[in-house]
N, C-alpha and C. Protein backbone atom coordinates (compact mmCIF):
# COMPACT_ATOMS: atom_id res chain seq x y z
N MET A 1 124.70 10.48 -22.54
CA MET A 1 123.32 10.27 -23.68
C MET A 1 123.12 8.58 -23.37
N SER A 2 122.15 8.43 -23.33
CA SER A 2 121.97 6.65 -23.04
C SER A 2 121.78 6.37 -24.49
N LYS A 3 122.41 5.07 -24.56
CA LYS A 3 122.54 4.72 -25.54
C LYS A 3 121.11 3.56 -26.30
N PRO A 4 120.84 3.93 -27.34
CA PRO A 4 119.32 3.51 -27.81
C PRO A 4 119.31 1.78 -27.64
N LYS A 5 118.32 1.44 -27.06
CA LYS A 5 118.11 -0.07 -26.76
C LYS A 5 117.81 -0.72 -28.37
N SER A 6 118.36 -1.96 -28.03
CA SER A 6 118.14 -2.87 -29.70
C SER A 6 116.76 -3.53 -29.45
N LYS A 7 116.67 -3.86 -30.92
CA LYS A 7 115.04 -4.42 -30.76
C LYS A 7 115.13 -5.81 -30.03
N LYS A 8 116.46 -6.64 -29.76
CA LYS A 8 116.26 -8.00 -28.92
C LYS A 8 116.23 -7.38 -27.46
N GLN A 9 116.41 -6.37 -26.99
CA GLN A 9 116.28 -5.94 -25.55
C GLN A 9 114.76 -5.61 -25.75
N LEU A 10 114.26 -4.81 -26.52
CA LEU A 10 113.10 -4.16 -26.42
C LEU A 10 111.88 -5.39 -26.45
N ARG A 11 112.41 -6.39 -27.37
CA ARG A 11 111.45 -7.82 -27.04
C ARG A 11 111.53 -8.33 -26.19
N ARG A 12 112.76 -8.60 -25.44
CA ARG A 12 112.86 -9.28 -24.12
C ARG A 12 112.23 -8.30 -22.90
N GLU A 13 112.12 -7.06 -23.05
CA GLU A 13 111.49 -6.27 -21.77
C GLU A 13 109.76 -6.45 -22.39
N LYS A 14 109.43 -6.37 -23.59
CA LYS A 14 108.16 -6.52 -23.88
C LYS A 14 107.60 -8.11 -23.29
N VAL A 15 108.42 -9.21 -23.62
CA VAL A 15 107.88 -10.30 -23.15
C VAL A 15 107.79 -10.28 -21.41
N ARG A 16 108.64 -9.63 -20.85
CA ARG A 16 108.73 -9.23 -19.40
C ARG A 16 107.61 -8.97 -18.91
N ALA A 17 107.33 -7.53 -19.76
CA ALA A 17 105.93 -6.60 -19.27
C ALA A 17 104.92 -7.61 -19.21
N GLU A 18 104.74 -8.42 -20.55
CA GLU A 18 103.51 -9.45 -20.68
C GLU A 18 103.35 -10.59 -19.34
N LYS A 19 104.54 -11.09 -19.10
CA LYS A 19 104.66 -11.96 -18.32
C LYS A 19 104.12 -11.41 -16.98
N GLU A 20 104.65 -10.17 -16.67
CA GLU A 20 104.15 -9.69 -15.42
C GLU A 20 102.50 -9.26 -15.20
N ARG A 21 102.12 -8.62 -16.44
CA ARG A 21 100.91 -8.20 -16.78
C ARG A 21 99.83 -9.85 -16.42
N LYS A 22 100.11 -10.84 -17.22
CA LYS A 22 99.44 -12.35 -16.74
C LYS A 22 99.46 -12.42 -15.19
N LYS A 23 101.00 -12.31 -14.89
CA LYS A 23 100.97 -12.56 -13.29
C LYS A 23 100.03 -11.94 -12.37
N TRP A 24 99.79 -10.67 -12.61
CA TRP A 24 98.74 -9.75 -11.96
C TRP A 24 97.63 -10.46 -12.29
N MET A 25 97.15 -10.41 -13.42
CA MET A 25 95.70 -11.18 -13.78
C MET A 25 95.48 -12.00 -12.88
N ARG A 26 96.47 -13.18 -13.07
CA ARG A 26 96.00 -14.46 -12.01
C ARG A 26 95.71 -14.10 -10.78
N TYR A 27 96.52 -13.06 -10.30
CA TYR A 27 96.66 -12.81 -8.69
C TYR A 27 95.31 -12.29 -8.57
N GLY A 28 94.78 -11.41 -9.63
CA GLY A 28 93.68 -10.84 -9.29
C GLY A 28 92.23 -11.66 -9.61
N ALA A 29 92.41 -12.68 -10.28
CA ALA A 29 91.30 -13.90 -10.72
C ALA A 29 91.46 -14.63 -9.48
N ILE A 30 92.71 -14.84 -8.73
CA ILE A 30 92.63 -15.43 -7.36
C ILE A 30 91.72 -14.68 -6.18
N GLY A 31 91.97 -13.54 -6.48
CA GLY A 31 91.63 -12.72 -5.25
C GLY A 31 89.86 -12.76 -5.35
N LEU A 32 89.50 -12.36 -6.73
CA LEU A 32 88.04 -12.48 -6.56
C LEU A 32 87.35 -13.79 -6.11
N VAL A 33 88.09 -14.94 -6.77
CA VAL A 33 87.50 -16.03 -6.14
C VAL A 33 87.39 -16.09 -4.74
N LEU A 34 88.62 -16.00 -4.10
CA LEU A 34 88.30 -15.87 -2.60
C LEU A 34 87.62 -15.19 -1.89
N VAL A 35 87.07 -13.88 -2.49
CA VAL A 35 86.37 -12.73 -2.23
C VAL A 35 84.85 -13.26 -2.55
N ALA A 36 84.70 -13.86 -3.62
CA ALA A 36 83.61 -14.70 -3.68
C ALA A 36 82.88 -16.14 -2.46
N ILE A 37 84.22 -16.91 -2.47
CA ILE A 37 84.27 -17.79 -1.40
C ILE A 37 83.45 -17.27 0.11
N VAL A 38 84.61 -16.48 0.43
CA VAL A 38 84.03 -15.81 1.41
C VAL A 38 82.75 -15.28 1.63
N ALA A 39 82.16 -14.55 0.53
CA ALA A 39 80.83 -13.73 0.59
C ALA A 39 79.61 -15.11 0.54
N PHE A 40 80.26 -16.13 -0.21
CA PHE A 40 79.19 -17.20 0.36
C PHE A 40 79.00 -17.63 1.25
N ILE A 41 80.32 -18.31 2.17
CA ILE A 41 80.18 -18.64 3.42
C ILE A 41 79.60 -17.93 4.35
N VAL A 42 79.93 -16.30 4.34
CA VAL A 42 79.31 -15.42 5.17
C VAL A 42 77.59 -15.20 5.08
N THR A 43 77.06 -15.32 3.81
CA THR A 43 75.95 -15.30 3.20
C THR A 43 74.77 -16.19 3.40
N ARG A 44 75.35 -17.49 3.15
CA ARG A 44 74.73 -18.70 3.35
C ARG A 44 73.77 -19.09 4.44
N PRO A 45 72.60 -19.43 4.11
CA PRO A 45 71.92 -19.99 5.41
C PRO A 45 72.67 -20.87 6.37
N PRO A 46 72.55 -20.73 7.71
CA PRO A 46 73.00 -21.71 8.54
C PRO A 46 72.29 -23.05 8.20
N LYS A 47 73.32 -24.09 8.59
CA LYS A 47 72.82 -25.63 8.46
C LYS A 47 72.07 -25.90 9.50
N ALA A 48 70.92 -26.38 9.30
CA ALA A 48 69.90 -26.62 10.62
C ALA A 48 70.22 -28.39 11.09
N PRO A 49 70.22 -28.09 12.51
CA PRO A 49 70.35 -29.76 12.92
C PRO A 49 69.40 -30.45 12.42
N PRO A 50 69.55 -31.89 12.25
CA PRO A 50 68.43 -32.74 11.77
C PRO A 50 67.26 -32.97 12.92
N LEU A 51 66.37 -33.37 12.33
CA LEU A 51 65.17 -33.50 13.30
C LEU A 51 65.32 -34.69 14.18
N ASP A 52 64.69 -34.58 15.38
CA ASP A 52 64.91 -35.75 15.95
C ASP A 52 63.42 -36.78 15.54
N GLU A 53 63.50 -38.18 16.11
CA GLU A 53 62.20 -39.00 15.76
C GLU A 53 60.85 -38.36 15.91
N ALA A 54 60.96 -37.63 17.43
CA ALA A 54 59.54 -37.42 17.95
C ALA A 54 59.30 -36.22 17.06
N ARG A 55 59.90 -35.33 16.32
CA ARG A 55 59.30 -34.17 15.71
C ARG A 55 59.16 -34.76 14.45
N LEU A 56 60.04 -35.72 13.53
CA LEU A 56 59.65 -36.14 12.43
C LEU A 56 58.02 -37.00 12.35
N ALA A 57 57.59 -37.66 13.67
CA ALA A 57 56.53 -38.29 13.99
C ALA A 57 55.43 -37.19 14.39
N SER A 58 55.41 -35.80 14.59
CA SER A 58 54.69 -34.81 14.90
C SER A 58 54.01 -34.28 13.74
N ASN A 59 52.95 -34.05 14.24
CA ASN A 59 51.93 -33.69 12.65
C ASN A 59 51.18 -32.30 13.51
N PRO A 60 50.77 -31.33 12.69
CA PRO A 60 49.65 -30.44 13.17
C PRO A 60 48.28 -31.36 13.18
N SER A 61 47.66 -30.87 14.16
CA SER A 61 46.56 -31.92 14.66
C SER A 61 45.11 -30.90 14.94
N ILE A 62 43.95 -31.01 15.02
CA ILE A 62 42.92 -30.65 15.59
C ILE A 62 42.08 -31.23 16.34
N GLY A 63 42.03 -31.35 17.88
CA GLY A 63 41.21 -32.64 18.49
C GLY A 63 42.34 -33.28 19.56
N LEU A 64 41.44 -34.35 19.85
CA LEU A 64 42.03 -34.98 20.85
C LEU A 64 42.80 -36.19 20.21
N ALA A 65 44.05 -36.54 20.99
CA ALA A 65 44.87 -37.93 20.17
C ALA A 65 44.09 -38.89 20.57
N SER A 66 43.16 -39.10 21.65
CA SER A 66 42.49 -40.11 22.06
C SER A 66 40.87 -40.50 21.09
N ALA A 67 40.86 -39.28 20.24
CA ALA A 67 39.67 -39.58 19.48
C ALA A 67 39.29 -40.88 18.66
N LYS A 68 38.07 -41.35 18.76
CA LYS A 68 38.07 -42.57 18.15
C LYS A 68 38.41 -42.50 16.80
N VAL A 69 38.03 -41.63 15.84
CA VAL A 69 38.28 -41.29 14.55
C VAL A 69 39.49 -40.08 14.24
N THR A 70 40.05 -40.64 13.33
CA THR A 70 41.12 -40.01 13.04
C THR A 70 40.94 -39.47 11.59
N VAL A 71 40.92 -38.42 11.08
CA VAL A 71 40.90 -37.97 9.65
C VAL A 71 42.08 -37.46 9.21
N THR A 72 42.78 -37.86 8.35
CA THR A 72 43.98 -37.28 8.07
C THR A 72 43.93 -36.55 6.48
N GLU A 73 44.27 -35.29 6.41
CA GLU A 73 44.21 -34.60 4.96
C GLU A 73 45.95 -34.64 4.37
N PHE A 74 46.07 -35.06 3.50
CA PHE A 74 47.40 -34.83 2.83
C PHE A 74 47.19 -33.67 1.85
N GLY A 75 47.58 -32.79 2.25
CA GLY A 75 47.45 -31.40 1.29
C GLY A 75 48.50 -30.44 0.65
N ASP A 76 48.54 -29.68 0.16
CA ASP A 76 49.46 -28.83 -0.65
C ASP A 76 48.73 -27.41 -0.89
N PHE A 77 49.80 -26.44 -0.49
CA PHE A 77 49.53 -25.17 -0.16
C PHE A 77 49.44 -24.45 -1.65
N GLY A 78 49.76 -25.02 -2.60
CA GLY A 78 49.64 -24.56 -3.94
C GLY A 78 48.67 -25.31 -4.84
N CYS A 79 47.71 -25.91 -4.37
CA CYS A 79 46.67 -26.88 -4.81
C CYS A 79 45.37 -26.05 -4.61
N HIS A 80 44.55 -25.72 -5.96
CA HIS A 80 43.49 -25.19 -5.72
C HIS A 80 42.32 -26.04 -5.36
N ALA A 81 42.19 -27.25 -5.62
CA ALA A 81 41.43 -28.20 -4.89
C ALA A 81 41.15 -28.30 -3.39
N CYS A 82 42.48 -28.36 -2.91
CA CYS A 82 42.79 -27.99 -1.33
C CYS A 82 42.24 -27.00 -0.68
N GLN A 83 42.70 -25.73 -1.31
CA GLN A 83 41.86 -24.32 -1.36
C GLN A 83 40.35 -24.26 -0.91
N SER A 84 39.78 -24.88 -2.05
CA SER A 84 38.10 -24.98 -1.98
C SER A 84 37.68 -25.69 -1.24
N TRP A 85 38.38 -27.03 -0.89
CA TRP A 85 37.93 -27.80 0.41
C TRP A 85 38.03 -27.12 1.38
N HIS A 86 39.29 -26.37 1.90
CA HIS A 86 39.26 -25.76 3.10
C HIS A 86 38.36 -24.50 3.23
N GLU A 87 37.94 -23.88 2.34
CA GLU A 87 37.12 -22.89 2.26
C GLU A 87 35.77 -23.34 2.24
N SER A 88 35.21 -24.62 1.88
CA SER A 88 33.81 -24.87 1.72
C SER A 88 33.55 -24.96 3.37
N GLY A 89 34.35 -25.16 4.23
CA GLY A 89 34.07 -25.32 6.02
C GLY A 89 33.70 -26.90 6.35
N ILE A 90 33.74 -27.74 5.68
CA ILE A 90 33.57 -28.75 6.05
C ILE A 90 34.32 -29.47 7.46
N LYS A 91 35.37 -29.06 7.32
CA LYS A 91 36.05 -29.36 8.34
C LYS A 91 35.48 -28.74 9.78
N GLU A 92 35.31 -27.52 9.59
CA GLU A 92 34.38 -27.14 10.92
C GLU A 92 33.42 -27.81 10.96
N GLN A 93 32.50 -27.91 9.95
CA GLN A 93 31.16 -28.72 10.28
C GLN A 93 31.38 -29.97 10.71
N ILE A 94 32.31 -30.61 10.74
CA ILE A 94 32.67 -32.20 11.17
C ILE A 94 32.86 -32.08 12.78
N ILE A 95 33.88 -30.87 12.97
CA ILE A 95 34.11 -30.74 14.22
C ILE A 95 32.91 -30.51 15.04
N ALA A 96 32.16 -29.63 14.53
CA ALA A 96 30.77 -29.11 15.23
C ALA A 96 29.93 -30.25 15.62
N THR A 97 29.76 -31.28 14.59
CA THR A 97 29.00 -32.29 14.46
C THR A 97 29.54 -33.44 15.83
N TYR A 98 30.80 -33.85 15.46
CA TYR A 98 31.36 -34.88 16.34
C TYR A 98 32.08 -34.50 17.59
N GLY A 99 32.67 -33.03 17.73
CA GLY A 99 33.11 -32.71 18.96
C GLY A 99 34.81 -33.61 18.91
N ASP A 100 34.59 -34.37 20.25
CA ASP A 100 35.83 -34.83 20.61
C ASP A 100 36.05 -36.35 20.25
N ASP A 101 34.96 -36.75 19.53
CA ASP A 101 35.11 -38.19 18.73
C ASP A 101 35.97 -38.11 17.53
N VAL A 102 36.33 -36.97 16.91
CA VAL A 102 37.19 -36.90 15.68
C VAL A 102 38.30 -35.78 15.87
N GLN A 103 39.66 -36.76 15.84
CA GLN A 103 40.71 -35.89 15.27
C GLN A 103 41.15 -35.54 13.78
N PHE A 104 41.24 -34.07 13.70
CA PHE A 104 42.09 -34.04 12.12
C PHE A 104 43.48 -33.73 11.93
N VAL A 105 44.21 -34.24 11.20
CA VAL A 105 45.37 -34.48 10.94
C VAL A 105 46.03 -33.81 9.74
N TRP A 106 46.77 -32.94 9.67
CA TRP A 106 47.56 -32.28 8.46
C TRP A 106 48.71 -33.24 8.06
N LYS A 107 49.00 -33.63 6.88
CA LYS A 107 50.42 -33.89 6.65
C LYS A 107 50.31 -33.67 4.88
N ASP A 108 51.65 -33.12 4.72
CA ASP A 108 52.44 -32.25 3.46
C ASP A 108 52.19 -33.53 2.46
N PHE A 109 51.81 -33.30 1.32
CA PHE A 109 51.91 -33.78 -0.16
C PHE A 109 52.11 -32.94 -0.90
N PRO A 110 53.57 -31.82 -0.92
CA PRO A 110 53.70 -30.74 -1.92
C PRO A 110 54.16 -31.05 -3.07
N VAL A 111 53.26 -31.41 -4.02
CA VAL A 111 53.37 -31.77 -5.57
C VAL A 111 53.01 -31.08 -6.60
N ILE A 112 51.67 -29.83 -6.36
CA ILE A 112 51.31 -29.61 -7.32
C ILE A 112 52.15 -28.47 -8.07
N THR A 113 52.63 -27.35 -7.20
CA THR A 113 53.50 -26.20 -7.64
C THR A 113 54.92 -26.45 -7.69
N ALA A 114 56.04 -25.82 -8.10
CA ALA A 114 57.35 -25.77 -7.79
C ALA A 114 57.54 -25.02 -6.30
N GLN A 115 56.49 -24.16 -5.97
CA GLN A 115 56.70 -23.53 -4.83
C GLN A 115 56.20 -24.36 -3.35
N SER A 116 55.51 -25.43 -3.72
CA SER A 116 54.66 -26.16 -2.82
C SER A 116 55.85 -26.94 -1.97
N PRO A 117 56.54 -27.06 -2.22
CA PRO A 117 57.59 -28.22 -1.29
C PRO A 117 58.10 -26.96 -0.28
N LYS A 118 58.80 -25.68 -0.60
CA LYS A 118 59.12 -24.72 0.70
C LYS A 118 57.84 -24.13 1.37
N ALA A 119 56.42 -24.07 0.70
CA ALA A 119 55.44 -23.74 1.44
C ALA A 119 55.27 -24.84 2.68
N ALA A 120 55.69 -26.00 2.02
CA ALA A 120 55.30 -27.05 3.10
C ALA A 120 56.22 -26.81 4.34
N GLU A 121 57.42 -26.45 4.20
CA GLU A 121 58.27 -26.16 5.06
C GLU A 121 57.96 -25.18 5.92
N ALA A 122 57.40 -23.90 5.15
CA ALA A 122 57.04 -23.07 6.03
C ALA A 122 55.70 -23.07 6.96
N GLY A 123 55.04 -23.96 6.62
CA GLY A 123 53.70 -24.53 7.41
C GLY A 123 54.41 -25.10 8.54
N GLN A 124 55.33 -26.33 8.55
CA GLN A 124 55.96 -26.75 9.59
C GLN A 124 56.81 -25.77 10.37
N CYS A 125 57.35 -25.05 10.07
CA CYS A 125 58.22 -23.75 10.68
C CYS A 125 57.14 -23.10 11.50
N ALA A 126 55.78 -22.78 11.17
CA ALA A 126 55.06 -22.28 11.76
C ALA A 126 54.34 -23.45 12.98
N PHE A 127 54.33 -24.30 12.35
CA PHE A 127 53.87 -25.30 13.64
C PHE A 127 54.94 -25.31 14.77
N ASP A 128 56.08 -25.36 14.61
CA ASP A 128 57.08 -24.99 15.69
C ASP A 128 56.90 -24.04 16.72
N GLN A 129 56.32 -23.00 15.93
CA GLN A 129 55.74 -21.67 16.96
C GLN A 129 54.34 -22.11 17.34
N GLY A 130 53.90 -22.98 17.12
CA GLY A 130 52.40 -23.29 17.42
C GLY A 130 51.41 -22.55 17.02
N GLU A 131 51.50 -22.44 15.73
CA GLU A 131 50.71 -21.18 14.95
C GLU A 131 50.52 -21.97 13.56
N PHE A 132 50.34 -23.67 13.53
CA PHE A 132 50.23 -23.76 12.08
C PHE A 132 48.79 -23.56 11.68
N TRP A 133 47.62 -23.93 12.25
CA TRP A 133 46.46 -23.40 11.79
C TRP A 133 46.28 -22.10 11.20
N ALA A 134 46.47 -20.93 12.03
CA ALA A 134 46.44 -19.77 11.54
C ALA A 134 47.05 -19.40 10.30
N TYR A 135 48.46 -19.89 10.20
CA TYR A 135 49.45 -19.88 9.07
C TYR A 135 48.65 -20.66 7.93
N HIS A 136 48.36 -21.67 7.88
CA HIS A 136 47.63 -22.58 6.98
C HIS A 136 46.17 -21.57 6.52
N ASP A 137 45.46 -21.07 7.36
CA ASP A 137 44.32 -20.31 6.87
C ASP A 137 44.64 -19.19 5.84
N LEU A 138 45.80 -18.44 6.27
CA LEU A 138 46.34 -17.44 5.78
C LEU A 138 47.06 -17.98 4.48
N LEU A 139 47.74 -18.95 4.52
CA LEU A 139 48.20 -19.52 2.82
C LEU A 139 47.31 -19.54 1.98
N TYR A 140 46.10 -20.33 2.32
CA TYR A 140 44.89 -20.45 1.61
C TYR A 140 44.20 -19.50 1.26
N ALA A 141 43.96 -18.40 2.36
CA ALA A 141 43.32 -17.27 2.07
C ALA A 141 44.01 -16.12 0.78
N LYS A 142 45.68 -16.47 0.65
CA LYS A 142 46.39 -15.37 -0.21
C LYS A 142 47.09 -16.24 -1.60
N ALA A 143 46.70 -17.46 -1.24
CA ALA A 143 46.99 -18.45 -2.72
C ALA A 143 46.63 -17.69 -4.10
N PRO A 144 47.44 -17.92 -4.97
CA PRO A 144 48.57 -18.79 -4.89
C PRO A 144 49.84 -17.86 -4.84
N ALA A 145 49.91 -16.87 -4.13
CA ALA A 145 51.33 -16.08 -4.04
C ALA A 145 51.70 -16.85 -2.63
N ILE A 146 52.77 -17.85 -2.94
CA ILE A 146 53.44 -18.57 -2.06
C ILE A 146 54.62 -18.66 -2.21
N GLY A 147 55.44 -17.47 -3.05
CA GLY A 147 56.63 -17.45 -3.09
C GLY A 147 57.73 -17.37 -1.68
N VAL A 148 58.84 -17.63 -1.40
CA VAL A 148 59.56 -17.65 -0.11
C VAL A 148 59.36 -15.91 0.46
N SER A 149 59.64 -14.85 -0.06
CA SER A 149 59.11 -13.82 0.29
C SER A 149 57.73 -13.73 0.96
N ASN A 150 56.80 -14.04 0.56
CA ASN A 150 55.35 -14.12 0.72
C ASN A 150 55.30 -15.24 1.82
N LEU A 151 55.94 -15.96 2.01
CA LEU A 151 55.68 -17.19 2.95
C LEU A 151 56.34 -16.62 4.31
N LYS A 152 57.28 -15.74 3.90
CA LYS A 152 57.86 -14.56 5.28
C LYS A 152 56.99 -13.43 5.69
N GLU A 153 56.27 -12.96 4.71
CA GLU A 153 55.11 -12.03 5.09
C GLU A 153 54.23 -12.51 5.75
N TYR A 154 53.89 -13.61 5.44
CA TYR A 154 52.69 -14.25 6.28
C TYR A 154 52.87 -14.41 7.63
N ALA A 155 54.31 -14.97 7.77
CA ALA A 155 54.65 -15.07 9.28
C ALA A 155 54.25 -14.15 10.13
N ALA A 156 55.26 -13.00 9.53
CA ALA A 156 54.82 -11.76 10.47
C ALA A 156 53.19 -11.17 10.54
N GLN A 157 52.38 -11.74 9.69
CA GLN A 157 51.00 -11.10 9.68
C GLN A 157 50.51 -11.84 10.89
N VAL A 158 50.58 -13.26 11.18
CA VAL A 158 50.12 -14.12 11.92
C VAL A 158 50.90 -14.13 13.38
N GLY A 159 51.67 -13.20 13.52
CA GLY A 159 52.42 -12.90 14.75
C GLY A 159 53.63 -13.88 15.35
N LEU A 160 54.25 -14.43 13.88
CA LEU A 160 55.33 -15.38 14.50
C LEU A 160 56.54 -14.74 14.69
N ASP A 161 57.26 -15.34 15.45
CA ASP A 161 58.95 -14.73 15.61
C ASP A 161 59.37 -14.76 14.31
N THR A 162 59.62 -13.74 13.62
CA THR A 162 60.04 -13.87 12.06
C THR A 162 61.20 -14.24 12.08
N ALA A 163 62.07 -13.74 13.18
CA ALA A 163 63.81 -13.88 12.98
C ALA A 163 64.01 -15.65 12.86
N ARG A 164 63.23 -16.35 13.81
CA ARG A 164 63.02 -17.80 14.18
C ARG A 164 62.36 -18.34 12.66
N PHE A 165 61.37 -17.64 12.36
CA PHE A 165 60.80 -18.52 11.58
C PHE A 165 61.68 -18.24 9.90
N ASP A 166 62.30 -16.97 9.73
CA ASP A 166 63.20 -16.84 8.71
C ASP A 166 64.27 -17.84 8.77
N ALA A 167 64.95 -18.06 9.75
CA ALA A 167 66.04 -18.94 9.98
C ALA A 167 65.53 -20.25 9.55
N CYS A 168 64.56 -20.87 10.08
CA CYS A 168 63.93 -22.18 10.09
C CYS A 168 63.83 -22.29 8.53
N LEU A 169 63.08 -21.05 7.88
CA LEU A 169 63.01 -21.75 6.37
C LEU A 169 63.94 -21.45 5.58
N ASP A 170 64.91 -20.67 5.82
CA ASP A 170 66.25 -20.51 5.01
C ASP A 170 66.93 -21.60 5.30
N SER A 171 67.32 -22.27 6.28
CA SER A 171 67.94 -23.57 6.50
C SER A 171 67.18 -24.60 5.96
N GLY A 172 66.37 -24.91 5.56
CA GLY A 172 65.51 -25.99 5.10
C GLY A 172 65.42 -27.03 6.29
N GLN A 173 64.98 -26.28 7.79
CA GLN A 173 65.16 -26.98 8.96
C GLN A 173 64.12 -28.02 8.79
N ASN A 174 62.92 -27.69 8.06
CA ASN A 174 61.69 -28.96 8.22
C ASN A 174 61.72 -29.58 7.01
N ARG A 175 62.63 -29.70 5.72
CA ARG A 175 62.55 -30.18 4.85
C ARG A 175 62.30 -31.68 4.94
N ALA A 176 62.97 -32.14 5.76
CA ALA A 176 63.19 -33.86 6.06
C ALA A 176 61.87 -34.10 6.46
N LYS A 177 61.03 -33.37 7.52
CA LYS A 177 59.59 -33.64 7.59
C LYS A 177 58.83 -33.70 6.27
N ALA A 178 58.52 -32.64 5.72
CA ALA A 178 57.99 -32.28 4.54
C ALA A 178 58.13 -33.44 3.37
N GLU A 179 59.16 -34.05 3.36
CA GLU A 179 59.73 -35.25 2.47
C GLU A 179 59.08 -36.46 2.81
N LEU A 180 59.34 -36.51 4.40
CA LEU A 180 58.77 -37.76 4.96
C LEU A 180 57.13 -38.04 4.77
N SER A 181 56.54 -36.76 4.73
CA SER A 181 55.31 -36.82 4.62
C SER A 181 54.93 -37.25 3.10
N GLU A 182 55.62 -36.72 2.35
CA GLU A 182 55.01 -36.69 0.84
C GLU A 182 55.72 -38.57 0.63
N ARG A 183 56.66 -38.86 0.93
CA ARG A 183 57.07 -40.49 0.70
C ARG A 183 55.82 -41.52 1.29
N GLU A 184 55.18 -40.69 2.52
CA GLU A 184 54.14 -41.68 3.07
C GLU A 184 53.03 -41.53 2.22
N ALA A 185 52.48 -40.49 1.46
CA ALA A 185 51.64 -40.03 0.36
C ALA A 185 51.75 -41.17 -0.81
N ARG A 186 52.67 -41.18 -1.12
CA ARG A 186 53.17 -41.93 -2.59
C ARG A 186 53.33 -43.25 -1.86
N GLN A 187 53.67 -43.96 -1.01
CA GLN A 187 53.34 -45.16 -0.54
C GLN A 187 52.03 -46.03 -0.36
N LEU A 188 51.45 -44.92 0.14
CA LEU A 188 49.82 -45.05 0.06
C LEU A 188 49.03 -45.17 -1.32
N ALA A 189 50.03 -44.72 -2.35
CA ALA A 189 49.71 -44.57 -3.88
C ALA A 189 48.25 -43.43 -3.60
N LEU A 190 48.42 -42.42 -3.10
CA LEU A 190 47.14 -41.24 -2.97
C LEU A 190 47.34 -40.91 -4.07
N PRO A 191 46.42 -40.57 -5.10
CA PRO A 191 46.22 -40.18 -6.40
C PRO A 191 46.19 -38.71 -6.87
N GLY A 192 46.31 -37.84 -5.52
CA GLY A 192 46.80 -36.26 -5.88
C GLY A 192 46.21 -35.43 -4.37
N THR A 193 45.99 -34.17 -4.66
CA THR A 193 45.53 -33.64 -3.31
C THR A 193 44.25 -32.83 -3.57
N PRO A 194 43.65 -32.79 -2.73
CA PRO A 194 43.70 -33.18 -1.20
C PRO A 194 43.13 -34.60 -1.29
N ALA A 195 43.71 -35.62 -0.49
CA ALA A 195 43.53 -36.95 -0.58
C ALA A 195 43.34 -37.15 1.36
N PHE A 196 42.32 -37.95 1.64
CA PHE A 196 41.69 -37.95 3.02
C PHE A 196 42.03 -39.68 3.36
N LEU A 197 42.25 -39.75 4.52
CA LEU A 197 42.10 -41.07 5.32
C LEU A 197 41.14 -40.72 6.39
N VAL A 198 40.36 -42.25 6.55
CA VAL A 198 39.90 -41.97 7.73
C VAL A 198 40.24 -43.28 8.73
N ASN A 199 40.79 -42.83 9.83
CA ASN A 199 41.12 -44.40 10.40
C ASN A 199 41.96 -45.20 9.21
N GLY A 200 42.95 -44.55 8.34
CA GLY A 200 43.61 -45.06 7.60
C GLY A 200 42.87 -45.74 6.26
N THR A 201 41.64 -45.59 6.27
CA THR A 201 40.93 -45.84 4.90
C THR A 201 40.88 -44.67 4.13
N ARG A 202 40.96 -45.05 2.88
CA ARG A 202 41.26 -43.60 2.14
C ARG A 202 39.86 -43.83 1.24
N LEU A 203 39.62 -42.42 1.49
CA LEU A 203 38.50 -41.53 0.56
C LEU A 203 38.78 -41.18 -1.06
N ILE A 204 38.11 -41.14 -1.85
CA ILE A 204 38.27 -41.08 -3.29
C ILE A 204 37.43 -39.83 -3.43
N GLY A 205 38.73 -38.88 -3.40
CA GLY A 205 38.67 -37.10 -4.09
C GLY A 205 37.98 -36.54 -2.69
N PRO A 206 38.28 -34.96 -2.60
CA PRO A 206 37.94 -34.46 -2.09
C PRO A 206 36.62 -34.77 -1.21
N PRO A 207 36.07 -35.34 -0.10
CA PRO A 207 34.63 -35.46 0.29
C PRO A 207 34.14 -34.44 0.37
N SER A 208 32.76 -34.54 0.41
CA SER A 208 31.71 -33.79 0.75
C SER A 208 31.57 -33.91 2.40
N PHE A 209 30.49 -33.06 3.12
CA PHE A 209 30.39 -33.51 4.32
C PHE A 209 29.55 -34.57 4.39
N GLU A 210 28.54 -34.96 3.74
CA GLU A 210 28.13 -36.25 3.76
C GLU A 210 28.69 -37.42 3.73
N VAL A 211 29.74 -37.40 2.79
CA VAL A 211 30.64 -38.74 2.59
C VAL A 211 31.58 -38.80 3.91
N LEU A 212 32.15 -37.74 4.13
CA LEU A 212 33.19 -37.58 5.42
C LEU A 212 32.42 -38.28 6.88
N ALA A 213 30.97 -37.83 6.52
CA ALA A 213 30.02 -38.15 7.97
C ALA A 213 29.97 -39.46 7.72
N GLU A 214 29.62 -40.26 6.73
CA GLU A 214 29.06 -41.32 6.35
C GLU A 214 30.39 -42.22 6.93
N ALA A 215 31.74 -42.26 6.50
CA ALA A 215 32.56 -42.59 6.77
C ALA A 215 33.34 -42.79 8.45
N ILE A 216 32.81 -41.30 9.08
CA ILE A 216 32.84 -41.48 10.40
C ILE A 216 32.18 -42.11 11.20
N ASP A 217 30.74 -42.15 10.89
CA ASP A 217 29.72 -43.07 11.43
C ASP A 217 30.03 -44.48 11.20
N ALA A 218 30.59 -44.59 10.10
CA ALA A 218 31.00 -46.53 10.19
C ALA A 218 31.83 -46.71 11.07
N VAL A 219 32.57 -45.68 11.42
CA VAL A 219 34.01 -45.95 12.41
C VAL A 219 33.12 -46.24 13.66
N LEU A 220 32.39 -45.34 13.99
CA LEU A 220 31.82 -45.23 15.48
C LEU A 220 30.80 -46.15 15.45
N ALA A 221 30.36 -46.79 14.64
CA ALA A 221 29.28 -48.09 14.90
C ALA A 221 30.40 -49.09 15.17
N GLU A 222 31.39 -49.52 14.87
CA GLU A 222 31.87 -50.53 15.17
C GLU A 222 32.12 -51.11 16.51
């Protein structure tokens, strides 16, 4: 028959058991941290390579680079005034009136909503696939729904390679391009969106057809 354990022995066993319990709790916590790190590494978006100088300098455009007049719009896909100007059809009127004498250029100025910067990146991802203007038109048609899931859905709707588009957007591949255009807009002290330049001369406010035509005519008359 075994001898009953003393209180001292019982205390020692209790202390050992508590130490063992804490040890395994530490191991468990370390294991959870390791699992979380591995999951983060596996699921995080791939890091995109930096854009080269040629890509940073390129912008969506309509018309010939050799056109006598360049109309540059600094726009935001989350901007209601930009959407209204686009829906007015003024750009199309100008193109129909002046033809090859005018080139339209788009630059991002994503400052109106919290979702605007990512939408600007999305537009540039569409530009990488040669479909900026179709994507541009759809974003304004669907505004203000420009969350990331919306942006990816619209890419499919305009027929983009969605795997390539999603990778571009998730990796922030074109963040530097959107930020570069925004810095340019701020350096020009543009007051808001949309903002327009005609051969570098700033127009105040979203221009009517008449105001824009007058500015273009002045350049063509020089």
